[in-house]
Amino acid sequence: MSNYLAVATVTEALREFIARNLTDVPLAVNVSAQRPPTEEPADPTITVFCYSVNPDPSMRNVDAPTRASDGTLIKVPRAALDLDYLISFYGDESQLVPQRLLGSVVRALYVEPILSHDDILAAETQPFLTGSDLGESPQRVRFTPTHQDTDELYRLWTMMTGTQMALSLTYQATLVFIDGPMPPASQEVRTRNITVVPAVPAPMGGVP
């Protein structure tokens, strides 16, 4: 299970993962979880931006809460989400820094597409994620590269007013669960009432 901090924890864990896997780039890189900046940073920078959250289509019919005939909750309500990320790269174009950073991130996410338990625990040490329990969830989050055609990229960047387009990747994180706070009611049978009713034989020959 995971609580309301699951989405933020995945974002921070992805940021931690990227920062940890830039060892092949001999540069000091700032990796931040934020939307792409309106002013292009001068120093090597990677931004991780969660720009869309949607219900997972494969879980639409199984994530609804279940209740008994009297309205008692017997199954914890669970929202199953897919998170869409825009990962953007900045740096000295004459040295192809954005492309070098992109190559490093692509390789890291290809080799290790599933969010590790260690990265989740590292994210949960952030003060603003105190109380996150994503690390206790048996469900692991997978990052998959997604394709954006020219029209989709245009819409994505133009909705961020004042932000210039930068070399970027898009990834989807699946599945991210957010569980309801209410535990299901116990279905234990406490008492049994047995009533014996004598049978009345039907008259011979049918109904008189």
N, C-alpha and C. Protein backbone atom coordinates (compact mmCIF):
# COMPACT_ATOMS: atom_id res chain seq x y z
N MET A 1 0.85 -1.19 0.00
CA MET A 1 0.00 0.00 0.00
C MET A 1 0.88 1.24 0.00
N SER A 2 0.34 2.39 -0.39
CA SER A 2 1.09 3.64 -0.38
C SER A 2 0.09 4.78 -0.19
N ASN A 3 0.52 5.82 0.50
CA ASN A 3 -0.40 6.89 0.85
C ASN A 3 -0.33 8.04 -0.16
N TYR A 4 -0.87 9.18 0.25
CA TYR A 4 -1.02 10.31 -0.67
C TYR A 4 0.31 10.89 -1.15
N LEU A 5 1.41 10.52 -0.51
CA LEU A 5 2.73 11.03 -0.90
C LEU A 5 3.39 10.21 -1.99
N ALA A 6 2.68 9.21 -2.53
CA ALA A 6 3.30 8.29 -3.50
C ALA A 6 3.80 9.02 -4.74
N VAL A 7 2.99 9.91 -5.31
CA VAL A 7 3.37 10.59 -6.54
C VAL A 7 4.62 11.44 -6.31
N ALA A 8 4.62 12.24 -5.26
CA ALA A 8 5.78 13.09 -4.96
C ALA A 8 7.01 12.26 -4.66
N THR A 9 6.83 11.10 -4.03
CA THR A 9 7.97 10.23 -3.71
C THR A 9 8.58 9.66 -4.98
N VAL A 10 7.74 9.25 -5.95
CA VAL A 10 8.26 8.74 -7.21
C VAL A 10 9.07 9.82 -7.93
N THR A 11 8.57 11.06 -7.94
CA THR A 11 9.28 12.15 -8.60
C THR A 11 10.64 12.40 -7.96
N GLU A 12 10.66 12.46 -6.64
CA GLU A 12 11.93 12.70 -5.95
C GLU A 12 12.88 11.52 -6.13
N ALA A 13 12.34 10.30 -6.12
CA ALA A 13 13.19 9.12 -6.31
C ALA A 13 13.78 9.09 -7.72
N LEU A 14 13.01 9.52 -8.71
CA LEU A 14 13.54 9.61 -10.07
C LEU A 14 14.66 10.64 -10.14
N ARG A 15 14.45 11.77 -9.48
CA ARG A 15 15.51 12.79 -9.44
C ARG A 15 16.78 12.23 -8.79
N GLU A 16 16.60 11.52 -7.66
CA GLU A 16 17.74 10.91 -6.97
C GLU A 16 18.46 9.90 -7.88
N PHE A 17 17.67 9.12 -8.60
CA PHE A 17 18.23 8.10 -9.49
C PHE A 17 19.08 8.73 -10.58
N ILE A 18 18.54 9.77 -11.21
CA ILE A 18 19.29 10.44 -12.29
C ILE A 18 20.57 11.06 -11.75
N ALA A 19 20.49 11.76 -10.62
CA ALA A 19 21.67 12.39 -10.04
C ALA A 19 22.74 11.35 -9.70
N ARG A 20 22.31 10.19 -9.24
CA ARG A 20 23.26 9.14 -8.84
C ARG A 20 23.93 8.48 -10.03
N ASN A 21 23.29 8.52 -11.19
CA ASN A 21 23.80 7.80 -12.35
C ASN A 21 24.48 8.68 -13.39
N LEU A 22 24.93 9.87 -12.99
CA LEU A 22 25.65 10.74 -13.91
C LEU A 22 27.16 10.65 -13.74
N THR A 23 27.64 9.53 -13.21
CA THR A 23 29.06 9.38 -12.92
C THR A 23 29.92 9.35 -14.18
N ASP A 24 29.30 9.02 -15.34
CA ASP A 24 30.09 8.97 -16.57
C ASP A 24 30.22 10.34 -17.23
N VAL A 25 29.58 11.36 -16.67
CA VAL A 25 29.67 12.72 -17.20
C VAL A 25 30.57 13.54 -16.26
N PRO A 26 31.75 13.98 -16.72
CA PRO A 26 32.69 14.68 -15.84
C PRO A 26 32.30 16.14 -15.62
N LEU A 27 31.09 16.35 -15.15
CA LEU A 27 30.58 17.70 -14.94
C LEU A 27 29.80 17.74 -13.64
N ALA A 28 29.74 18.92 -13.04
CA ALA A 28 28.86 19.14 -11.89
C ALA A 28 27.49 19.50 -12.44
N VAL A 29 26.51 18.62 -12.23
CA VAL A 29 25.19 18.78 -12.84
C VAL A 29 24.15 19.02 -11.76
N ASN A 30 23.35 20.04 -11.95
CA ASN A 30 22.23 20.31 -11.05
C ASN A 30 21.00 19.55 -11.56
N VAL A 31 20.50 18.62 -10.76
CA VAL A 31 19.31 17.84 -11.11
C VAL A 31 18.18 18.27 -10.17
N SER A 32 17.13 18.85 -10.73
CA SER A 32 16.05 19.37 -9.89
C SER A 32 14.70 18.87 -10.38
N ALA A 33 13.78 18.68 -9.44
CA ALA A 33 12.42 18.27 -9.76
C ALA A 33 11.57 19.54 -9.91
N GLN A 34 11.47 20.04 -11.13
CA GLN A 34 10.73 21.26 -11.39
C GLN A 34 10.40 21.33 -12.88
N ARG A 35 9.50 22.24 -13.23
CA ARG A 35 9.21 22.45 -14.63
C ARG A 35 10.39 23.11 -15.32
N PRO A 36 10.53 22.96 -16.64
CA PRO A 36 11.64 23.61 -17.33
C PRO A 36 11.66 25.11 -17.06
N PRO A 37 12.83 25.70 -16.83
CA PRO A 37 12.91 27.12 -16.48
C PRO A 37 12.62 28.02 -17.67
N THR A 38 12.14 29.22 -17.38
CA THR A 38 11.88 30.19 -18.44
C THR A 38 13.19 30.77 -18.97
N GLU A 39 14.20 30.87 -18.10
CA GLU A 39 15.52 31.34 -18.51
C GLU A 39 16.47 30.14 -18.52
N GLU A 40 17.10 29.88 -19.66
CA GLU A 40 17.98 28.73 -19.77
C GLU A 40 19.17 28.87 -18.83
N PRO A 41 19.39 27.89 -17.94
CA PRO A 41 20.51 27.99 -16.98
C PRO A 41 21.86 27.89 -17.68
N ALA A 42 22.83 28.59 -17.14
CA ALA A 42 24.17 28.58 -17.74
C ALA A 42 24.93 27.31 -17.38
N ASP A 43 24.68 26.78 -16.19
CA ASP A 43 25.38 25.58 -15.74
C ASP A 43 24.66 24.32 -16.22
N PRO A 44 25.36 23.19 -16.33
CA PRO A 44 24.71 21.94 -16.71
C PRO A 44 23.55 21.61 -15.76
N THR A 45 22.39 21.39 -16.34
CA THR A 45 21.18 21.23 -15.53
C THR A 45 20.27 20.18 -16.16
N ILE A 46 19.62 19.40 -15.32
CA ILE A 46 18.56 18.48 -15.75
C ILE A 46 17.34 18.77 -14.90
N THR A 47 16.19 18.96 -15.55
CA THR A 47 14.94 19.15 -14.82
C THR A 47 14.04 17.93 -15.02
N VAL A 48 13.39 17.53 -13.95
CA VAL A 48 12.45 16.41 -13.96
C VAL A 48 11.07 16.97 -13.64
N PHE A 49 10.17 16.93 -14.63
CA PHE A 49 8.88 17.60 -14.50
C PHE A 49 7.75 16.60 -14.73
N CYS A 50 6.93 16.37 -13.70
CA CYS A 50 5.74 15.52 -13.84
C CYS A 50 4.64 16.39 -14.41
N TYR A 51 4.35 16.22 -15.71
CA TYR A 51 3.43 17.13 -16.38
C TYR A 51 2.04 16.56 -16.57
N SER A 52 1.84 15.27 -16.30
CA SER A 52 0.52 14.68 -16.50
C SER A 52 0.36 13.46 -15.61
N VAL A 53 -0.85 13.32 -15.04
CA VAL A 53 -1.18 12.16 -14.21
C VAL A 53 -2.53 11.63 -14.68
N ASN A 54 -2.58 10.32 -14.99
CA ASN A 54 -3.80 9.73 -15.53
C ASN A 54 -4.09 8.38 -14.88
N PRO A 55 -5.38 7.99 -14.80
CA PRO A 55 -5.70 6.65 -14.31
C PRO A 55 -5.12 5.60 -15.25
N ASP A 56 -4.58 4.54 -14.67
CA ASP A 56 -4.04 3.47 -15.50
C ASP A 56 -5.20 2.70 -16.15
N PRO A 57 -5.22 2.59 -17.49
CA PRO A 57 -6.37 1.96 -18.16
C PRO A 57 -6.54 0.48 -17.82
N SER A 58 -5.45 -0.22 -17.51
CA SER A 58 -5.56 -1.65 -17.21
C SER A 58 -6.17 -1.93 -15.84
N MET A 59 -6.25 -0.88 -14.99
CA MET A 59 -6.74 -1.07 -13.63
C MET A 59 -8.07 -0.37 -13.39
N ARG A 60 -8.73 0.09 -14.45
CA ARG A 60 -9.96 0.85 -14.27
C ARG A 60 -11.06 0.07 -13.56
N ASN A 61 -11.15 -1.23 -13.80
CA ASN A 61 -12.26 -2.02 -13.26
C ASN A 61 -11.90 -2.75 -11.97
N VAL A 62 -10.68 -2.60 -11.50
CA VAL A 62 -10.30 -3.33 -10.30
C VAL A 62 -9.83 -2.42 -9.16
N ASP A 63 -9.81 -1.11 -9.39
CA ASP A 63 -9.30 -0.21 -8.35
C ASP A 63 -10.40 0.48 -7.56
N ALA A 64 -11.67 0.19 -7.87
CA ALA A 64 -12.77 0.84 -7.17
C ALA A 64 -12.98 0.21 -5.80
N PRO A 65 -13.40 1.01 -4.80
CA PRO A 65 -13.69 0.44 -3.49
C PRO A 65 -14.90 -0.48 -3.55
N THR A 66 -14.90 -1.50 -2.73
CA THR A 66 -16.00 -2.45 -2.67
C THR A 66 -16.68 -2.34 -1.32
N ARG A 67 -18.02 -2.29 -1.35
CA ARG A 67 -18.79 -2.18 -0.12
C ARG A 67 -19.84 -3.28 -0.05
N ALA A 68 -20.19 -3.62 1.17
CA ALA A 68 -21.25 -4.59 1.40
C ALA A 68 -22.60 -3.95 1.16
N SER A 69 -23.68 -4.76 1.25
CA SER A 69 -25.02 -4.24 0.98
C SER A 69 -25.43 -3.14 1.96
N ASP A 70 -24.82 -3.13 3.16
CA ASP A 70 -25.15 -2.09 4.15
C ASP A 70 -24.23 -0.88 4.05
N GLY A 71 -23.36 -0.85 3.03
CA GLY A 71 -22.46 0.27 2.83
C GLY A 71 -21.12 0.14 3.53
N THR A 72 -20.91 -0.95 4.26
CA THR A 72 -19.65 -1.14 4.96
C THR A 72 -18.53 -1.41 3.97
N LEU A 73 -17.40 -0.72 4.16
CA LEU A 73 -16.25 -0.89 3.28
C LEU A 73 -15.58 -2.22 3.56
N ILE A 74 -15.45 -3.07 2.52
CA ILE A 74 -14.81 -4.37 2.70
C ILE A 74 -13.54 -4.49 1.87
N LYS A 75 -13.21 -3.47 1.08
CA LYS A 75 -11.98 -3.46 0.30
C LYS A 75 -11.42 -2.05 0.28
N VAL A 76 -10.12 -1.91 0.57
CA VAL A 76 -9.51 -0.59 0.61
C VAL A 76 -9.57 0.06 -0.77
N PRO A 77 -10.10 1.29 -0.88
CA PRO A 77 -10.10 1.97 -2.17
C PRO A 77 -8.68 2.27 -2.62
N ARG A 78 -8.40 2.06 -3.90
CA ARG A 78 -7.05 2.22 -4.43
C ARG A 78 -7.10 2.89 -5.79
N ALA A 79 -6.38 3.99 -5.92
CA ALA A 79 -6.25 4.67 -7.22
C ALA A 79 -4.96 4.20 -7.87
N ALA A 80 -5.05 3.76 -9.12
CA ALA A 80 -3.89 3.30 -9.88
C ALA A 80 -3.58 4.35 -10.94
N LEU A 81 -2.38 4.91 -10.89
CA LEU A 81 -2.04 6.05 -11.73
C LEU A 81 -0.82 5.78 -12.61
N ASP A 82 -0.79 6.46 -13.75
CA ASP A 82 0.39 6.54 -14.61
C ASP A 82 0.88 7.98 -14.58
N LEU A 83 2.18 8.17 -14.40
CA LEU A 83 2.76 9.50 -14.32
C LEU A 83 3.60 9.76 -15.56
N ASP A 84 3.39 10.90 -16.19
CA ASP A 84 4.17 11.27 -17.38
C ASP A 84 5.20 12.33 -17.01
N TYR A 85 6.46 12.08 -17.38
CA TYR A 85 7.55 12.96 -17.02
C TYR A 85 8.23 13.55 -18.25
N LEU A 86 8.61 14.81 -18.13
CA LEU A 86 9.42 15.50 -19.11
C LEU A 86 10.78 15.74 -18.47
N ILE A 87 11.82 15.15 -19.06
CA ILE A 87 13.18 15.31 -18.54
C ILE A 87 13.96 16.17 -19.54
N SER A 88 14.38 17.35 -19.11
CA SER A 88 15.01 18.32 -20.02
C SER A 88 16.46 18.56 -19.64
N PHE A 89 17.27 18.91 -20.66
CA PHE A 89 18.71 18.99 -20.49
C PHE A 89 19.23 20.36 -20.95
N TYR A 90 20.12 20.93 -20.13
CA TYR A 90 20.66 22.26 -20.41
C TYR A 90 22.17 22.25 -20.19
N GLY A 91 22.85 23.10 -20.94
CA GLY A 91 24.30 23.23 -20.81
C GLY A 91 24.89 23.87 -22.04
N ASP A 92 26.19 23.91 -22.09
CA ASP A 92 26.92 24.53 -23.18
C ASP A 92 26.69 23.74 -24.48
N GLU A 93 25.96 24.35 -25.42
CA GLU A 93 25.66 23.67 -26.67
C GLU A 93 26.92 23.42 -27.50
N SER A 94 27.91 24.32 -27.39
CA SER A 94 29.13 24.15 -28.18
C SER A 94 29.91 22.91 -27.76
N GLN A 95 29.68 22.46 -26.52
CA GLN A 95 30.31 21.25 -26.02
C GLN A 95 29.33 20.07 -26.01
N LEU A 96 28.15 20.29 -26.61
CA LEU A 96 27.11 19.25 -26.69
C LEU A 96 26.75 18.68 -25.31
N VAL A 97 26.77 19.55 -24.32
CA VAL A 97 26.47 19.11 -22.96
C VAL A 97 25.05 18.52 -22.84
N PRO A 98 24.00 19.18 -23.39
CA PRO A 98 22.67 18.58 -23.27
C PRO A 98 22.60 17.16 -23.85
N GLN A 99 23.25 16.94 -24.98
CA GLN A 99 23.21 15.62 -25.60
C GLN A 99 23.99 14.59 -24.78
N ARG A 100 25.07 15.01 -24.18
CA ARG A 100 25.84 14.10 -23.33
C ARG A 100 25.04 13.71 -22.09
N LEU A 101 24.35 14.69 -21.51
CA LEU A 101 23.51 14.39 -20.35
C LEU A 101 22.36 13.47 -20.73
N LEU A 102 21.74 13.74 -21.87
CA LEU A 102 20.64 12.90 -22.34
C LEU A 102 21.12 11.45 -22.52
N GLY A 103 22.27 11.26 -23.15
CA GLY A 103 22.77 9.91 -23.36
C GLY A 103 23.00 9.16 -22.07
N SER A 104 23.49 9.88 -21.05
CA SER A 104 23.73 9.25 -19.76
C SER A 104 22.43 8.80 -19.11
N VAL A 105 21.40 9.65 -19.18
CA VAL A 105 20.10 9.32 -18.58
C VAL A 105 19.43 8.17 -19.33
N VAL A 106 19.48 8.19 -20.66
CA VAL A 106 18.89 7.11 -21.45
C VAL A 106 19.52 5.78 -21.06
N ARG A 107 20.83 5.75 -20.97
CA ARG A 107 21.50 4.50 -20.62
C ARG A 107 21.11 4.02 -19.23
N ALA A 108 21.06 4.94 -18.27
CA ALA A 108 20.74 4.55 -16.89
C ALA A 108 19.33 3.97 -16.79
N LEU A 109 18.35 4.62 -17.45
CA LEU A 109 16.97 4.15 -17.37
C LEU A 109 16.74 2.90 -18.21
N TYR A 110 17.59 2.67 -19.21
CA TYR A 110 17.48 1.44 -19.98
C TYR A 110 18.03 0.25 -19.19
N VAL A 111 19.13 0.47 -18.49
CA VAL A 111 19.75 -0.59 -17.69
C VAL A 111 18.92 -0.90 -16.46
N GLU A 112 18.36 0.14 -15.84
CA GLU A 112 17.61 -0.03 -14.58
C GLU A 112 16.27 0.70 -14.68
N PRO A 113 15.29 0.12 -15.38
CA PRO A 113 14.02 0.82 -15.59
C PRO A 113 13.07 0.77 -14.40
N ILE A 114 13.34 -0.10 -13.45
CA ILE A 114 12.45 -0.23 -12.29
C ILE A 114 13.04 0.54 -11.11
N LEU A 115 12.22 1.36 -10.50
CA LEU A 115 12.68 2.20 -9.39
C LEU A 115 13.11 1.31 -8.23
N SER A 116 14.33 1.50 -7.79
CA SER A 116 14.87 0.64 -6.74
C SER A 116 14.36 1.04 -5.37
N HIS A 117 14.40 0.06 -4.48
CA HIS A 117 13.98 0.30 -3.10
C HIS A 117 14.89 1.34 -2.44
N ASP A 118 16.19 1.29 -2.77
CA ASP A 118 17.13 2.24 -2.16
C ASP A 118 16.82 3.68 -2.57
N ASP A 119 16.46 3.89 -3.84
CA ASP A 119 16.13 5.25 -4.29
C ASP A 119 14.85 5.75 -3.62
N ILE A 120 13.90 4.85 -3.42
CA ILE A 120 12.67 5.25 -2.73
C ILE A 120 12.97 5.65 -1.30
N LEU A 121 13.78 4.84 -0.61
CA LEU A 121 14.12 5.15 0.78
C LEU A 121 14.91 6.45 0.86
N ALA A 122 15.78 6.71 -0.11
CA ALA A 122 16.54 7.97 -0.13
C ALA A 122 15.59 9.15 -0.30
N ALA A 123 14.59 9.00 -1.17
CA ALA A 123 13.61 10.07 -1.37
C ALA A 123 12.81 10.33 -0.11
N GLU A 124 12.49 9.28 0.62
CA GLU A 124 11.66 9.42 1.82
C GLU A 124 12.38 10.11 2.96
N THR A 125 13.71 10.32 2.84
CA THR A 125 14.43 11.05 3.88
C THR A 125 14.23 12.56 3.77
N GLN A 126 13.67 13.01 2.65
CA GLN A 126 13.41 14.44 2.49
C GLN A 126 12.35 14.88 3.51
N PRO A 127 12.55 16.02 4.18
CA PRO A 127 11.58 16.46 5.19
C PRO A 127 10.17 16.62 4.64
N PHE A 128 10.05 17.05 3.37
CA PHE A 128 8.72 17.27 2.81
C PHE A 128 8.03 15.96 2.42
N LEU A 129 8.74 14.83 2.56
CA LEU A 129 8.13 13.52 2.28
C LEU A 129 8.04 12.66 3.54
N THR A 130 8.14 13.29 4.69
CA THR A 130 7.99 12.56 5.95
C THR A 130 6.61 11.91 6.01
N GLY A 131 6.60 10.62 6.29
CA GLY A 131 5.34 9.88 6.35
C GLY A 131 5.06 9.08 5.10
N SER A 132 5.87 9.24 4.07
CA SER A 132 5.67 8.45 2.86
C SER A 132 5.95 6.98 3.16
N ASP A 133 5.11 6.10 2.61
CA ASP A 133 5.30 4.67 2.84
C ASP A 133 5.43 3.90 1.53
N LEU A 134 5.84 4.59 0.46
CA LEU A 134 5.98 3.91 -0.83
C LEU A 134 6.99 2.78 -0.75
N GLY A 135 8.00 2.92 0.09
CA GLY A 135 9.01 1.88 0.23
C GLY A 135 8.45 0.57 0.76
N GLU A 136 7.29 0.61 1.41
CA GLU A 136 6.67 -0.59 1.95
C GLU A 136 5.77 -1.29 0.94
N SER A 137 5.53 -0.64 -0.19
CA SER A 137 4.64 -1.23 -1.19
C SER A 137 5.35 -2.34 -1.96
N PRO A 138 4.67 -3.49 -2.16
CA PRO A 138 5.28 -4.56 -2.96
C PRO A 138 5.30 -4.24 -4.45
N GLN A 139 4.47 -3.27 -4.86
CA GLN A 139 4.42 -2.89 -6.27
C GLN A 139 5.60 -2.00 -6.62
N ARG A 140 6.35 -2.36 -7.66
CA ARG A 140 7.48 -1.55 -8.08
C ARG A 140 7.09 -0.70 -9.28
N VAL A 141 7.67 0.49 -9.35
CA VAL A 141 7.36 1.46 -10.40
C VAL A 141 8.35 1.28 -11.55
N ARG A 142 7.82 1.19 -12.78
CA ARG A 142 8.66 1.02 -13.97
C ARG A 142 8.59 2.28 -14.83
N PHE A 143 9.75 2.68 -15.36
CA PHE A 143 9.83 3.83 -16.26
C PHE A 143 10.01 3.33 -17.69
N THR A 144 9.12 3.80 -18.57
CA THR A 144 9.14 3.40 -19.97
C THR A 144 9.22 4.65 -20.85
N PRO A 145 10.14 4.69 -21.82
CA PRO A 145 10.20 5.86 -22.71
C PRO A 145 8.94 5.94 -23.56
N THR A 146 8.45 7.14 -23.78
CA THR A 146 7.26 7.34 -24.59
C THR A 146 7.60 8.20 -25.81
N HIS A 147 6.80 8.03 -26.84
CA HIS A 147 7.03 8.77 -28.09
C HIS A 147 6.11 9.96 -28.17
N GLN A 148 6.66 11.10 -28.51
CA GLN A 148 5.88 12.31 -28.72
C GLN A 148 6.11 12.78 -30.15
N ASP A 149 5.02 12.87 -30.93
CA ASP A 149 5.20 13.39 -32.28
C ASP A 149 5.30 14.92 -32.24
N THR A 150 5.49 15.53 -33.40
CA THR A 150 5.73 16.97 -33.45
C THR A 150 4.58 17.77 -32.86
N ASP A 151 3.35 17.38 -33.18
CA ASP A 151 2.18 18.10 -32.66
C ASP A 151 2.10 17.99 -31.14
N GLU A 152 2.35 16.80 -30.61
CA GLU A 152 2.27 16.60 -29.17
C GLU A 152 3.36 17.40 -28.45
N LEU A 153 4.55 17.42 -29.02
CA LEU A 153 5.62 18.21 -28.42
C LEU A 153 5.29 19.70 -28.45
N TYR A 154 4.69 20.13 -29.54
CA TYR A 154 4.31 21.55 -29.66
C TYR A 154 3.30 21.92 -28.58
N ARG A 155 2.29 21.07 -28.40
CA ARG A 155 1.27 21.36 -27.38
C ARG A 155 1.88 21.35 -25.98
N LEU A 156 2.77 20.39 -25.75
CA LEU A 156 3.37 20.28 -24.43
C LEU A 156 4.18 21.52 -24.06
N TRP A 157 4.98 21.99 -25.01
CA TRP A 157 5.83 23.14 -24.70
C TRP A 157 5.06 24.46 -24.72
N THR A 158 4.07 24.59 -25.57
CA THR A 158 3.32 25.85 -25.63
C THR A 158 2.42 26.03 -24.41
N MET A 159 2.05 24.94 -23.74
CA MET A 159 1.22 25.12 -22.54
C MET A 159 2.05 25.68 -21.38
N MET A 160 3.37 25.62 -21.50
CA MET A 160 4.25 26.22 -20.49
C MET A 160 4.66 27.61 -20.98
N THR A 161 3.82 28.56 -20.75
CA THR A 161 3.99 29.91 -21.29
C THR A 161 5.34 30.51 -20.89
N GLY A 162 6.03 31.04 -21.89
CA GLY A 162 7.30 31.71 -21.63
C GLY A 162 8.49 30.79 -21.52
N THR A 163 8.28 29.49 -21.72
CA THR A 163 9.38 28.52 -21.61
C THR A 163 9.84 28.11 -22.99
N GLN A 164 11.13 28.25 -23.26
CA GLN A 164 11.67 27.85 -24.54
C GLN A 164 11.92 26.35 -24.58
N MET A 165 11.67 25.76 -25.74
CA MET A 165 11.86 24.33 -25.89
C MET A 165 13.32 23.95 -25.71
N ALA A 166 13.55 22.82 -25.03
CA ALA A 166 14.91 22.33 -24.79
C ALA A 166 14.97 20.85 -25.16
N LEU A 167 16.15 20.36 -25.38
CA LEU A 167 16.34 18.93 -25.65
C LEU A 167 15.77 18.13 -24.48
N SER A 168 14.87 17.20 -24.78
CA SER A 168 14.13 16.54 -23.70
C SER A 168 13.80 15.09 -24.04
N LEU A 169 13.46 14.34 -22.99
CA LEU A 169 12.92 13.00 -23.09
C LEU A 169 11.59 12.95 -22.37
N THR A 170 10.71 12.03 -22.79
CA THR A 170 9.47 11.79 -22.05
C THR A 170 9.44 10.34 -21.62
N TYR A 171 9.08 10.13 -20.36
CA TYR A 171 8.96 8.79 -19.78
C TYR A 171 7.64 8.68 -19.04
N GLN A 172 7.13 7.45 -18.98
CA GLN A 172 5.92 7.18 -18.19
C GLN A 172 6.27 6.23 -17.06
N ALA A 173 5.79 6.56 -15.86
CA ALA A 173 5.98 5.72 -14.69
C ALA A 173 4.69 4.96 -14.40
N THR A 174 4.77 3.64 -14.34
CA THR A 174 3.61 2.79 -14.05
C THR A 174 4.04 1.67 -13.09
N LEU A 175 3.18 1.15 -12.29
CA LEU A 175 1.95 1.72 -11.80
C LEU A 175 2.26 2.40 -10.47
N VAL A 176 1.56 3.48 -10.19
CA VAL A 176 1.71 4.16 -8.90
C VAL A 176 0.36 4.09 -8.20
N PHE A 177 0.33 3.44 -7.04
CA PHE A 177 -0.92 3.26 -6.31
C PHE A 177 -1.02 4.25 -5.16
N ILE A 178 -2.23 4.77 -4.97
CA ILE A 178 -2.55 5.55 -3.78
C ILE A 178 -3.73 4.87 -3.11
N ASP A 179 -3.50 4.37 -1.90
CA ASP A 179 -4.53 3.64 -1.17
C ASP A 179 -5.30 4.56 -0.25
N GLY A 180 -6.57 4.21 -0.03
CA GLY A 180 -7.41 4.96 0.89
C GLY A 180 -6.97 4.75 2.33
N PRO A 181 -7.30 5.68 3.22
CA PRO A 181 -6.85 5.58 4.61
C PRO A 181 -7.67 4.62 5.45
N MET A 182 -8.85 4.21 4.95
CA MET A 182 -9.75 3.39 5.76
C MET A 182 -9.49 1.91 5.54
N PRO A 183 -9.25 1.14 6.64
CA PRO A 183 -9.09 -0.30 6.48
C PRO A 183 -10.43 -0.95 6.21
N PRO A 184 -10.45 -2.08 5.49
CA PRO A 184 -11.73 -2.77 5.26
C PRO A 184 -12.28 -3.32 6.56
N ALA A 185 -13.59 -3.35 6.64
CA ALA A 185 -14.25 -3.86 7.84
C ALA A 185 -14.05 -5.36 7.93
N SER A 186 -13.93 -5.86 9.17
CA SER A 186 -13.78 -7.30 9.38
C SER A 186 -15.06 -8.02 8.99
N GLN A 187 -14.87 -9.16 8.35
CA GLN A 187 -16.02 -9.96 7.94
C GLN A 187 -16.22 -11.17 8.84
N GLU A 188 -15.64 -11.11 10.06
CA GLU A 188 -15.74 -12.22 10.99
C GLU A 188 -17.20 -12.45 11.39
N VAL A 189 -17.62 -13.71 11.42
CA VAL A 189 -18.96 -14.09 11.85
C VAL A 189 -18.93 -14.25 13.36
N ARG A 190 -19.63 -13.38 14.09
CA ARG A 190 -19.59 -13.40 15.54
C ARG A 190 -20.66 -14.31 16.14
N THR A 191 -21.84 -14.33 15.57
CA THR A 191 -22.92 -15.16 16.09
C THR A 191 -23.61 -15.89 14.97
N ARG A 192 -24.20 -17.03 15.30
CA ARG A 192 -24.96 -17.79 14.33
C ARG A 192 -26.34 -18.06 14.92
N ASN A 193 -27.38 -17.75 14.21
CA ASN A 193 -28.75 -18.01 14.63
C ASN A 193 -29.33 -19.11 13.75
N ILE A 194 -29.70 -20.21 14.38
CA ILE A 194 -30.26 -21.34 13.65
C ILE A 194 -31.71 -21.53 14.09
N THR A 195 -32.61 -21.51 13.16
CA THR A 195 -34.04 -21.69 13.43
C THR A 195 -34.53 -22.94 12.74
N VAL A 196 -35.23 -23.80 13.51
CA VAL A 196 -35.77 -25.04 12.97
C VAL A 196 -37.27 -24.88 12.80
N VAL A 197 -37.78 -25.09 11.60
CA VAL A 197 -39.21 -24.98 11.30
C VAL A 197 -39.70 -26.34 10.82
N PRO A 198 -40.73 -26.90 11.48
CA PRO A 198 -41.23 -28.21 11.04
C PRO A 198 -41.85 -28.13 9.66
N ALA A 199 -41.57 -29.15 8.86
CA ALA A 199 -42.10 -29.18 7.51
C ALA A 199 -43.55 -29.66 7.52
N VAL A 200 -44.39 -29.07 6.71
CA VAL A 200 -45.80 -29.47 6.60
C VAL A 200 -45.98 -30.25 5.28
N PRO A 201 -46.32 -31.54 5.37
CA PRO A 201 -46.45 -32.31 4.12
C PRO A 201 -47.62 -31.83 3.27
N ALA A 202 -47.41 -31.87 1.98
CA ALA A 202 -48.48 -31.48 1.06
C ALA A 202 -49.56 -32.56 1.04
N PRO A 203 -50.84 -32.20 0.91
CA PRO A 203 -51.95 -33.19 0.88
C PRO A 203 -51.84 -34.08 -0.37
N MET A 204 -52.25 -35.34 -0.20
CA MET A 204 -52.25 -36.28 -1.31
C MET A 204 -53.23 -35.83 -2.39
N GLY A 205 -52.80 -35.97 -3.63
CA GLY A 205 -53.72 -35.63 -4.73
C GLY A 205 -53.75 -34.18 -5.08
N GLY A 206 -52.83 -33.42 -4.50
CA GLY A 206 -52.80 -32.01 -4.86
C GLY A 206 -53.59 -31.17 -3.87
N VAL A 207 -53.86 -29.95 -4.22
CA VAL A 207 -54.57 -29.01 -3.34
C VAL A 207 -56.05 -29.32 -3.39
N PRO A 208 -56.73 -29.56 -2.22
CA PRO A 208 -58.18 -29.86 -2.23
C PRO A 208 -58.99 -28.65 -2.64
